[in-house]
Amino acid sequence: MSNLLLYTQKIEPKWKMLKQLRICFNNYMLRMLLMKGILKKEAMTIDAKLMLP
């Protein structure tokens, strides 16, 4: 039983770190996707402006 407790105590911080990393990664990916979307929109509007006489 004490072994199990030690085991969980060792693993717990790793899980917390992984969770935080995942959250950071998700936020980063969301930001990247948003930026890409914004850039695409801007590029499309620029293209549309260029196409207009």
Protein backbone atom coordinates (compact mmCIF):
# COMPACT_ATOMS: atom_id res chain seq x y z
CA MET A 1 0.00 0.00 0.00
CA SER A 2 2.78 2.42 0.87
CA ASN A 3 4.46 1.55 -2.43
CA LEU A 4 1.32 2.56 -4.28
CA LEU A 5 1.21 5.85 -2.38
CA LEU A 6 4.83 6.61 -3.26
CA TYR A 7 4.11 5.67 -6.87
CA THR A 8 1.14 8.03 -7.13
CA GLN A 9 3.09 10.81 -5.44
CA LYS A 10 5.85 10.42 -8.02
CA ILE A 11 3.46 10.33 -10.95
CA GLU A 12 1.07 13.08 -9.84
CA PRO A 13 3.38 16.05 -10.62
CA LYS A 14 4.13 14.57 -14.04
CA TRP A 15 0.42 14.41 -14.80
CA LYS A 16 -0.04 18.01 -13.68
CA MET A 17 2.86 19.07 -15.88
CA LEU A 18 1.45 17.14 -18.83
CA LYS A 19 -1.95 18.73 -18.30
CA GLN A 20 -0.42 22.21 -18.23
CA LEU A 21 1.65 21.44 -21.31
CA ARG A 22 -1.45 20.19 -23.11
CA ILE A 23 -3.38 23.32 -22.17
CA CYS A 24 -0.51 25.53 -23.37
CA PHE A 25 -0.26 23.51 -26.57
CA ASN A 26 -4.00 23.75 -27.19
CA ASN A 27 -3.95 27.51 -26.62
CA TYR A 28 -0.98 27.83 -28.97
CA MET A 29 -2.69 25.76 -31.65
CA LEU A 30 -5.89 27.78 -31.30
CA ARG A 31 -3.94 31.01 -31.64
CA MET A 32 -2.11 29.69 -34.69
CA LEU A 33 -5.38 28.58 -36.30
CA LEU A 34 -6.95 31.95 -35.53
CA MET A 35 -3.94 33.77 -36.98
CA LYS A 36 -4.05 31.60 -40.10
CA GLY A 37 -7.77 32.25 -40.44
CA ILE A 38 -7.26 36.00 -40.04
CA LEU A 39 -4.38 35.98 -42.51
CA LYS A 40 -6.45 33.97 -44.98
CA LYS A 41 -9.35 36.40 -44.60
CA GLU A 42 -7.03 39.37 -45.13
CA ALA A 43 -5.41 37.70 -48.13
CA MET A 44 -8.85 36.99 -49.59
CA THR A 45 -9.97 40.59 -49.09
CA ILE A 46 -6.75 41.84 -50.65
CA ASP A 47 -7.30 39.50 -53.62
CA ALA A 48 -10.87 40.74 -53.93
CA LYS A 49 -9.68 44.36 -53.87
CA LEU A 50 -7.08 43.63 -56.53
CA MET A 51 -9.67 41.92 -58.73
CA LEU A 52 -12.00 44.90 -58.51
CA PRO A 53 -11.39 47.47 -61.25
